């Protein structure tokens, strides 16, 4: 996956593919990784509070195309991701008002 893409296909542990909408991507200097927050597109018609948001780190491939999603490894990374997500949603609310 690339920075700036709007959708990704995620393959679960059972080999099932699911099309997901990218909420946002960001890079962390602290962890030297890129991160993506996304949700299954089938969730779009659900109430906003019911949508399950997923987070993964990713490493872009050398040719700048598809990269590989990796699980979040530490509690410190989860704390940083939660802080970024809260900031994102706070900014969204401010733009709506």
C-alpha atoms as a PDB file:
ATOM      1  CA  UNK A   1       0.000   0.000   0.000  1.00  0.00           C
ATOM      2  CA  UNK A   2       1.102   3.568  -0.590  1.00  0.00           C
ATOM      3  CA  UNK A   3       0.634   6.760   1.396  1.00  0.00           C
ATOM      4  CA  UNK A   4      -2.324   8.573  -0.121  1.00  0.00           C
ATOM      5  CA  UNK A   5      -4.301   5.501  -1.219  1.00  0.00           C
ATOM      6  CA  UNK A   6      -7.962   5.451  -0.189  1.00  0.00           C
ATOM      7  CA  UNK A   7      -8.627   1.704  -0.092  1.00  0.00           C
ATOM      8  CA  UNK A   8      -6.669  -1.436   0.683  1.00  0.00           C
ATOM      9  CA  UNK A   9      -7.431  -5.121   0.510  1.00  0.00           C
ATOM     10  CA  UNK A  10      -6.664  -6.915   3.763  1.00  0.00           C
ATOM     11  CA  UNK A  11      -6.269 -10.695   3.917  1.00  0.00           C
ATOM     12  CA  UNK A  12      -7.219 -12.221   7.268  1.00  0.00           C
ATOM     13  CA  UNK A  13      -5.701 -15.271   8.945  1.00  0.00           C
ATOM     14  CA  UNK A  14      -8.183 -17.512   7.063  1.00  0.00           C
ATOM     15  CA  UNK A  15      -7.155 -16.160   3.657  1.00  0.00           C
ATOM     16  CA  UNK A  16     -10.348 -14.118   3.206  1.00  0.00           C
ATOM     17  CA  UNK A  17      -9.943 -10.778   1.431  1.00  0.00           C
ATOM     18  CA  UNK A  18     -11.769  -7.710   2.675  1.00  0.00           C
ATOM     19  CA  UNK A  19     -11.819  -4.301   1.029  1.00  0.00           C
ATOM     20  CA  UNK A  20     -11.144  -1.563   3.580  1.00  0.00           C
ATOM     21  CA  UNK A  21     -11.337   2.212   3.509  1.00  0.00           C
ATOM     22  CA  UNK A  22      -8.259   4.013   4.803  1.00  0.00           C
ATOM     23  CA  UNK A  23      -9.067   6.508   7.536  1.00  0.00           C
ATOM     24  CA  UNK A  24      -5.561   8.003   7.552  1.00  0.00           C
ATOM     25  CA  UNK A  25      -1.870   7.153   7.474  1.00  0.00           C
ATOM     26  CA  UNK A  26       1.001   8.686   9.394  1.00  0.00           C
ATOM     27  CA  UNK A  27       4.662   8.146  10.171  1.00  0.00           C
ATOM     28  CA  UNK A  28       6.302   7.951  13.575  1.00  0.00           C
ATOM     29  CA  UNK A  29       9.851   9.198  14.019  1.00  0.00           C
ATOM     30  CA  UNK A  30       9.866   7.630  17.481  1.00  0.00           C
ATOM     31  CA  UNK A  31       9.171   4.106  16.181  1.00  0.00           C
ATOM     32  CA  UNK A  32      10.622   4.615  12.672  1.00  0.00           C
ATOM     33  CA  UNK A  33       7.484   3.118  11.100  1.00  0.00           C
ATOM     34  CA  UNK A  34       4.502   4.096   9.000  1.00  0.00           C
ATOM     35  CA  UNK A  35       0.997   3.354  10.254  1.00  0.00           C
ATOM     36  CA  UNK A  36      -2.419   3.004   8.681  1.00  0.00           C
ATOM     37  CA  UNK A  37      -5.843   3.160  10.326  1.00  0.00           C
ATOM     38  CA  UNK A  38      -8.638   1.563   8.310  1.00  0.00           C
ATOM     39  CA  UNK A  39     -12.104   0.007   8.535  1.00  0.00           C
ATOM     40  CA  UNK A  40     -14.012  -2.580   6.464  1.00  0.00           C
ATOM     41  CA  UNK A  41     -16.044  -0.944   3.694  1.00  0.00           C
ATOM     42  CA  UNK A  42     -19.021  -3.162   4.505  1.00  0.00           C
ATOM     43  CA  UNK A  43     -19.195  -1.101   7.713  1.00  0.00           C
ATOM     44  CA  UNK A  44     -19.870   2.180   5.889  1.00  0.00           C
ATOM     45  CA  UNK A  45     -23.651   1.855   6.190  1.00  0.00           C
ATOM     46  CA  UNK A  46     -23.439   1.176   9.924  1.00  0.00           C
ATOM     47  CA  UNK A  47     -23.677   3.842  12.594  1.00  0.00           C
ATOM     48  CA  UNK A  48     -20.343   5.666  12.946  1.00  0.00           C
ATOM     49  CA  UNK A  49     -19.954   4.540  16.557  1.00  0.00           C
ATOM     50  CA  UNK A  50     -20.290   0.863  15.545  1.00  0.00           C
ATOM     51  CA  UNK A  51     -17.445   0.853  13.006  1.00  0.00           C
ATOM     52  CA  UNK A  52     -14.419  -1.137  14.143  1.00  0.00           C
ATOM     53  CA  UNK A  53     -11.219   0.688  13.250  1.00  0.00           C
ATOM     54  CA  UNK A  54      -8.101  -1.409  12.691  1.00  0.00           C
ATOM     55  CA  UNK A  55      -4.490  -0.243  12.905  1.00  0.00           C
ATOM     56  CA  UNK A  56      -1.335  -1.750  11.436  1.00  0.00           C
ATOM     57  CA  UNK A  57       2.185  -0.670  10.745  1.00  0.00           C
ATOM     58  CA  UNK A  58       3.402  -1.011   7.187  1.00  0.00           C
ATOM     59  CA  UNK A  59       6.576  -0.874   5.218  1.00  0.00           C
ATOM     60  CA  UNK A  60       6.213   0.471   1.686  1.00  0.00           C
ATOM     61  CA  UNK A  61       7.829  -1.735  -0.932  1.00  0.00           C
ATOM     62  CA  UNK A  62      10.913  -0.456  -2.713  1.00  0.00           C
ATOM     63  CA  UNK A  63       8.986   0.273  -5.917  1.00  0.00           C
ATOM     64  CA  UNK A  64       6.515   2.406  -3.914  1.00  0.00           C
ATOM     65  CA  UNK A  65       3.564   0.128  -4.593  1.00  0.00           C
ATOM     66  CA  UNK A  66       2.037  -2.555  -2.387  1.00  0.00           C
ATOM     67  CA  UNK A  67       3.595  -2.807   1.041  1.00  0.00           C
ATOM     68  CA  UNK A  68       3.079  -5.335   3.780  1.00  0.00           C
ATOM     69  CA  UNK A  69       0.885  -4.725   6.836  1.00  0.00           C
ATOM     70  CA  UNK A  70       2.391  -5.726  10.164  1.00  0.00           C
ATOM     71  CA  UNK A  71       0.703  -6.079  13.567  1.00  0.00           C
ATOM     72  CA  UNK A  72       1.254  -3.416  16.217  1.00  0.00           C
ATOM     73  CA  UNK A  73       3.921  -4.823  18.515  1.00  0.00           C
ATOM     74  CA  UNK A  74       4.022  -2.794  21.716  1.00  0.00           C
ATOM     75  CA  UNK A  75       1.750  -1.070  24.208  1.00  0.00           C
ATOM     76  CA  UNK A  76       3.699   2.157  23.560  1.00  0.00           C
ATOM     77  CA  UNK A  77       2.761   1.969  19.875  1.00  0.00           C
ATOM     78  CA  UNK A  78      -0.925   1.437  20.762  1.00  0.00           C
ATOM     79  CA  UNK A  79      -0.809   4.459  23.088  1.00  0.00           C
ATOM     80  CA  UNK A  80       0.699   6.613  20.322  1.00  0.00           C
ATOM     81  CA  UNK A  81      -1.880   5.360  17.777  1.00  0.00           C
ATOM     82  CA  UNK A  82      -4.735   6.094  20.177  1.00  0.00           C
ATOM     83  CA  UNK A  83      -3.419   9.614  20.693  1.00  0.00           C
ATOM     84  CA  UNK A  84      -3.157  10.164  16.912  1.00  0.00           C
ATOM     85  CA  UNK A  85      -6.687   8.814  16.402  1.00  0.00           C
ATOM     86  CA  UNK A  86      -8.110  11.091  19.119  1.00  0.00           C
ATOM     87  CA  UNK A  87      -6.389  14.085  17.496  1.00  0.00           C
ATOM     88  CA  UNK A  88      -7.779  13.064  14.086  1.00  0.00           C
ATOM     89  CA  UNK A  89     -11.358  12.814  15.393  1.00  0.00           C
ATOM     90  CA  UNK A  90     -11.031  16.081  17.365  1.00  0.00           C
ATOM     91  CA  UNK A  91      -9.956  17.840  14.153  1.00  0.00           C
ATOM     92  CA  UNK A  92     -12.850  16.246  12.226  1.00  0.00           C
ATOM     93  CA  UNK A  93     -15.335  17.531  14.809  1.00  0.00           C
ATOM     94  CA  UNK A  94     -13.859  21.039  14.665  1.00  0.00           C
ATOM     95  CA  UNK A  95     -14.160  21.095  10.862  1.00  0.00           C
ATOM     96  CA  UNK A  96     -17.836  20.095  11.083  1.00  0.00           C
ATOM     97  CA  UNK A  97     -18.689  22.977  13.446  1.00  0.00           C
END
